[in-house]
């Protein structure tokens, strides 16, 4: 049985807040100045994504962006800076709206909606393939990095070239496999990026995440700490972009 069905059985059923998601979409769709809104399909649900074409003659591939808990695909911290600036360096971006819960929901509250997030990632990959992208890197922030790891751990696609986890926490949740087990199943090039002043759940699990990657035999796993940055990289957009671009260039 798929581990996400086991997870659903272990926790009370908690569906995503589609009304809150719709409010986010209404607020940001008409305000998008860089890129274009795209409506993707996941099962019977239509959700917002933002696609931005790469600029210039050097086209390196596409980046699939996944935000943290309770926000949207144009969130001003971490997501928007990467979404708008990576295309200036030859990387198209597709930023997905992931399932959201009520504003007061905790990270643990989100575990039951992981199965709703994974088909959205599939839809994002299909869209990028339709645009002609056969070289994709997934970048997730916070909860988005955990959802990305869960998807990558069970997917098999040659289009997926790398994974950037920003502000990733780790551990076992409710007795079920968590991010550490997902990292132990990921063998593609992986950048584990976090801030010097990140959350304790991030900085305190640095060694555990590295050990999980070693169990996978992932020799292309690396960790980078961004000096002075917090979990949301406030005031550190430049160092964040520089760290991601340096790693992406090494994939060439």
Protein backbone atom coordinates (compact mmCIF):
# COMPACT_ATOMS: atom_id res chain seq x y z
CA UNK A 1 0.00 0.00 0.00
CA UNK A 2 1.32 3.50 -0.87
CA UNK A 3 2.70 5.20 2.24
CA UNK A 4 0.48 8.23 1.69
CA UNK A 5 -2.64 6.07 1.99
CA UNK A 6 -1.19 4.80 5.27
CA UNK A 7 -0.71 8.39 6.36
CA UNK A 8 -4.31 9.22 5.58
CA UNK A 9 -5.46 6.28 7.67
CA UNK A 10 -3.31 7.36 10.60
CA UNK A 11 -4.56 10.95 10.81
CA UNK A 12 -8.06 12.45 10.86
CA UNK A 13 -9.12 13.42 7.35
CA UNK A 14 -8.35 17.10 6.87
CA UNK A 15 -9.00 18.44 3.40
CA UNK A 16 -7.37 21.53 1.97
CA UNK A 17 -9.16 24.86 2.42
CA UNK A 18 -10.22 25.48 -1.17
CA UNK A 19 -11.98 28.74 -0.29
CA UNK A 20 -8.83 30.19 1.18
CA UNK A 21 -6.90 28.98 -1.86
CA UNK A 22 -9.44 30.69 -4.13
CA UNK A 23 -9.04 33.95 -2.19
CA UNK A 24 -5.28 33.78 -2.66
CA UNK A 25 -5.75 33.23 -6.40
CA UNK A 26 -8.17 36.15 -6.72
CA UNK A 27 -5.78 38.45 -4.89
CA UNK A 28 -2.66 37.66 -6.87
CA UNK A 29 -3.78 36.70 -10.39
CA UNK A 30 -4.40 40.24 -11.61
CA UNK A 31 -1.39 41.59 -9.71
CA UNK A 32 1.18 39.40 -11.48
CA UNK A 33 3.60 41.70 -13.32
CA UNK A 34 6.26 39.17 -14.26
CA UNK A 35 5.14 35.87 -15.76
CA UNK A 36 1.71 34.56 -16.65
CA UNK A 37 -0.96 32.84 -14.56
CA UNK A 38 -1.65 29.26 -15.63
CA UNK A 39 -4.54 27.10 -14.41
CA UNK A 40 -3.51 23.48 -14.03
CA UNK A 41 -5.66 20.45 -13.35
CA UNK A 42 -5.22 17.97 -10.50
CA UNK A 43 -8.02 15.42 -10.57
CA UNK A 44 -11.22 17.45 -10.50
CA UNK A 45 -9.50 20.48 -8.97
CA UNK A 46 -8.20 23.43 -10.97
CA UNK A 47 -5.38 25.34 -9.30
CA UNK A 48 -3.21 28.37 -10.01
CA UNK A 49 0.41 28.32 -11.09
CA UNK A 50 2.64 31.12 -12.44
CA UNK A 51 4.88 30.48 -15.43
CA UNK A 52 7.77 32.75 -16.39
CA UNK A 53 9.78 32.17 -19.54
CA UNK A 54 13.56 32.25 -19.45
CA UNK A 55 15.21 35.34 -20.90
CA UNK A 56 18.16 35.61 -23.26
CA UNK A 57 19.68 33.11 -25.62
CA UNK A 58 21.11 30.75 -23.00
CA UNK A 59 18.22 28.52 -21.88
CA UNK A 60 19.24 26.05 -19.18
CA UNK A 61 15.94 24.41 -18.26
CA UNK A 62 13.04 24.97 -15.90
CA UNK A 63 12.57 25.28 -12.16
CA UNK A 64 9.44 24.02 -10.42
CA UNK A 65 8.87 26.16 -7.31
CA UNK A 66 6.96 25.04 -4.22
CA UNK A 67 6.09 27.49 -1.43
CA UNK A 68 5.83 26.95 2.32
CA UNK A 69 2.74 26.39 4.47
CA UNK A 70 -0.32 28.57 4.12
CA UNK A 71 0.91 30.95 1.44
CA UNK A 72 0.75 31.31 -2.35
CA UNK A 73 2.91 30.94 -5.50
CA UNK A 74 3.92 34.62 -5.57
CA UNK A 75 4.80 34.93 -1.90
CA UNK A 76 7.17 37.92 -1.48
CA UNK A 77 9.71 36.02 0.61
CA UNK A 78 11.86 33.33 -1.05
CA UNK A 79 9.34 32.39 -3.77
CA UNK A 80 8.85 35.66 -5.68
CA UNK A 81 12.55 36.56 -5.78
CA UNK A 82 13.43 33.16 -7.24
CA UNK A 83 10.35 33.08 -9.49
CA UNK A 84 11.17 36.44 -11.10
CA UNK A 85 14.98 36.44 -11.06
CA UNK A 86 15.92 32.92 -12.15
CA UNK A 87 14.46 33.57 -15.65
CA UNK A 88 16.93 36.43 -15.99
CA UNK A 89 19.64 33.78 -15.78
CA UNK A 90 18.18 31.37 -18.33
CA UNK A 91 15.88 29.30 -16.11
CA UNK A 92 12.12 29.29 -16.75
CA UNK A 93 10.07 29.02 -13.56
CA UNK A 94 6.71 27.48 -12.72
CA UNK A 95 5.47 28.31 -9.23
CA UNK A 96 2.69 26.04 -7.96
CA UNK A 97 -0.17 26.75 -5.58
CA UNK A 98 0.02 23.95 -3.04
CA UNK A 99 -2.88 22.96 -0.75
CA UNK A 100 -3.49 25.39 2.10
CA UNK A 101 -5.30 25.05 5.42
CA UNK A 102 -6.66 27.63 7.83
CA UNK A 103 -4.22 30.33 8.92
CA UNK A 104 -3.78 28.80 12.37
CA UNK A 105 -2.88 25.32 11.05
CA UNK A 106 0.41 23.83 12.24
CA UNK A 107 2.98 21.99 10.14
CA UNK A 108 1.68 18.71 11.56
CA UNK A 109 -1.84 19.62 10.40
CA UNK A 110 -0.51 19.59 6.84
CA UNK A 111 0.68 15.99 6.84
CA UNK A 112 -2.75 14.57 5.86
CA UNK A 113 -2.90 16.83 2.78
CA UNK A 114 0.41 15.63 1.34
CA UNK A 115 -1.52 13.23 -0.96
CA UNK A 116 -3.34 16.28 -2.36
CA UNK A 117 -0.05 18.05 -3.09
CA UNK A 118 1.70 15.27 -4.98
CA UNK A 119 -0.69 15.21 -7.99
CA UNK A 120 -0.22 18.97 -8.30
CA UNK A 121 3.50 18.40 -8.72
CA UNK A 122 2.71 15.84 -11.42
CA UNK A 123 0.54 18.44 -13.14
CA UNK A 124 3.37 20.98 -12.96
CA UNK A 125 5.79 18.53 -14.53
CA UNK A 126 3.31 17.79 -17.32
CA UNK A 127 2.91 21.50 -18.03
CA UNK A 128 6.67 22.01 -18.22
CA UNK A 129 6.97 19.05 -20.58
CA UNK A 130 4.29 20.62 -22.79
CA UNK A 131 6.43 23.78 -22.93
CA UNK A 132 9.32 21.68 -24.20
CA UNK A 133 11.30 21.47 -20.97
CA UNK A 134 13.06 18.14 -20.53
CA UNK A 135 15.43 19.41 -17.82
CA UNK A 136 13.73 20.36 -14.56
CA UNK A 137 14.98 21.26 -11.09
CA UNK A 138 12.54 21.28 -8.16
CA UNK A 139 12.98 23.99 -5.52
CA UNK A 140 10.89 23.84 -2.36
CA UNK A 141 10.83 26.14 0.64
CA UNK A 142 9.98 24.97 4.17
CA UNK A 143 6.88 22.73 3.97
CA UNK A 144 7.19 22.85 0.17
CA UNK A 145 10.62 21.24 0.44
CA UNK A 146 9.12 18.37 2.46
CA UNK A 147 6.34 17.89 -0.08
CA UNK A 148 8.91 17.99 -2.86
CA UNK A 149 11.07 15.39 -1.12
CA UNK A 150 8.05 13.12 -0.68
CA UNK A 151 7.29 13.36 -4.41
CA UNK A 152 10.88 12.94 -5.57
CA UNK A 153 11.40 9.89 -3.34
CA UNK A 154 8.71 7.99 -5.23
CA UNK A 155 9.00 9.37 -8.75
CA UNK A 156 11.02 8.12 -11.69
CA UNK A 157 11.48 10.66 -14.45
CA UNK A 158 14.57 11.47 -16.48
CA UNK A 159 13.45 15.11 -16.72
CA UNK A 160 14.19 15.69 -13.04
CA UNK A 161 17.77 16.90 -12.80
CA UNK A 162 18.05 18.21 -9.26
CA UNK A 163 16.43 19.27 -6.01
CA UNK A 164 16.96 22.38 -3.88
CA UNK A 165 15.51 22.18 -0.37
CA UNK A 166 15.36 25.58 1.36
CA UNK A 167 14.74 25.67 5.11
CA UNK A 168 13.91 21.97 5.33
CA UNK A 169 13.00 20.34 8.64
CA UNK A 170 13.21 16.60 9.18
CA UNK A 171 12.01 13.78 11.36
CA UNK A 172 9.50 11.03 11.92
CA UNK A 173 5.84 12.02 12.13
CA UNK A 174 3.20 9.96 13.90
CA UNK A 175 5.28 6.82 13.48
CA UNK A 176 5.25 7.18 9.70
CA UNK A 177 8.15 7.86 7.36
CA UNK A 178 9.08 11.52 7.26
CA UNK A 179 11.56 13.65 5.42
CA UNK A 180 14.60 11.72 6.62
CA UNK A 181 13.33 8.55 4.98
CA UNK A 182 12.52 10.52 1.82
CA UNK A 183 16.06 11.94 1.72
CA UNK A 184 17.38 8.41 2.18
CA UNK A 185 15.62 7.47 -1.08
CA UNK A 186 16.77 10.47 -3.17
CA UNK A 187 19.85 10.05 -5.34
CA UNK A 188 19.63 13.04 -7.70
CA UNK A 189 21.84 16.11 -7.07
CA UNK A 190 20.47 17.86 -3.99
CA UNK A 191 21.23 21.21 -2.38
CA UNK A 192 20.17 21.51 1.27
CA UNK A 193 20.11 25.29 1.79
CA UNK A 194 19.30 27.04 5.05
CA UNK A 195 19.90 30.28 6.92
CA UNK A 196 22.37 30.89 9.72
CA UNK A 197 19.44 32.04 11.87
CA UNK A 198 16.90 29.55 10.52
CA UNK A 199 14.32 27.75 12.65
CA UNK A 200 15.70 25.42 15.31
CA UNK A 201 13.88 22.56 13.57
CA UNK A 202 16.02 23.32 10.51
CA UNK A 203 19.43 24.04 12.03
CA UNK A 204 18.99 21.31 14.63
CA UNK A 205 18.48 18.60 12.00
CA UNK A 206 21.39 19.47 9.70
CA UNK A 207 23.40 16.41 10.71
CA UNK A 208 20.38 14.10 10.51
CA UNK A 209 19.57 15.27 6.98
CA UNK A 210 23.16 14.76 5.88
CA UNK A 211 23.17 11.25 7.37
CA UNK A 212 19.95 10.41 5.52
CA UNK A 213 21.52 11.49 2.22
CA UNK A 214 24.54 9.32 3.00
CA UNK A 215 22.21 6.34 3.49
CA UNK A 216 20.93 6.99 -0.02
CA UNK A 217 24.49 6.94 -1.31
CA UNK A 218 23.84 10.43 -2.70
CA UNK A 219 27.31 11.76 -3.49
CA UNK A 220 25.75 14.83 -5.12
CA UNK A 221 24.17 16.06 -1.88
CA UNK A 222 25.53 19.26 -0.36
CA UNK A 223 24.57 21.64 2.43
CA UNK A 224 25.02 25.41 2.33
CA UNK A 225 24.37 27.82 5.20
CA UNK A 226 23.60 31.40 4.15
CA UNK A 227 25.23 33.79 6.61
CA UNK A 228 22.84 36.13 8.43
CA UNK A 229 19.68 34.68 6.84
CA UNK A 230 16.58 33.63 8.73
CA UNK A 231 13.94 31.10 7.69
CA UNK A 232 12.24 33.53 5.31
CA UNK A 233 15.54 35.00 4.03
CA UNK A 234 14.33 38.50 4.88
CA UNK A 235 16.79 40.99 3.48
CA UNK A 236 18.81 38.14 1.98
CA UNK A 237 17.28 37.77 -1.48
CA UNK A 238 20.67 38.38 -3.10
CA UNK A 239 22.61 35.74 -1.15
CA UNK A 240 19.72 33.30 -1.63
CA UNK A 241 19.73 33.78 -5.41
CA UNK A 242 23.54 33.62 -5.54
CA UNK A 243 23.62 30.31 -3.64
CA UNK A 244 20.97 28.75 -5.88
CA UNK A 245 22.57 30.00 -9.10
CA UNK A 246 26.02 28.79 -8.09
CA UNK A 247 24.62 25.32 -7.50
CA UNK A 248 22.58 25.35 -10.72
CA UNK A 249 25.65 26.33 -12.70
CA UNK A 250 27.48 23.32 -11.28
CA UNK A 251 24.79 21.08 -12.82
CA UNK A 252 25.78 22.20 -16.31
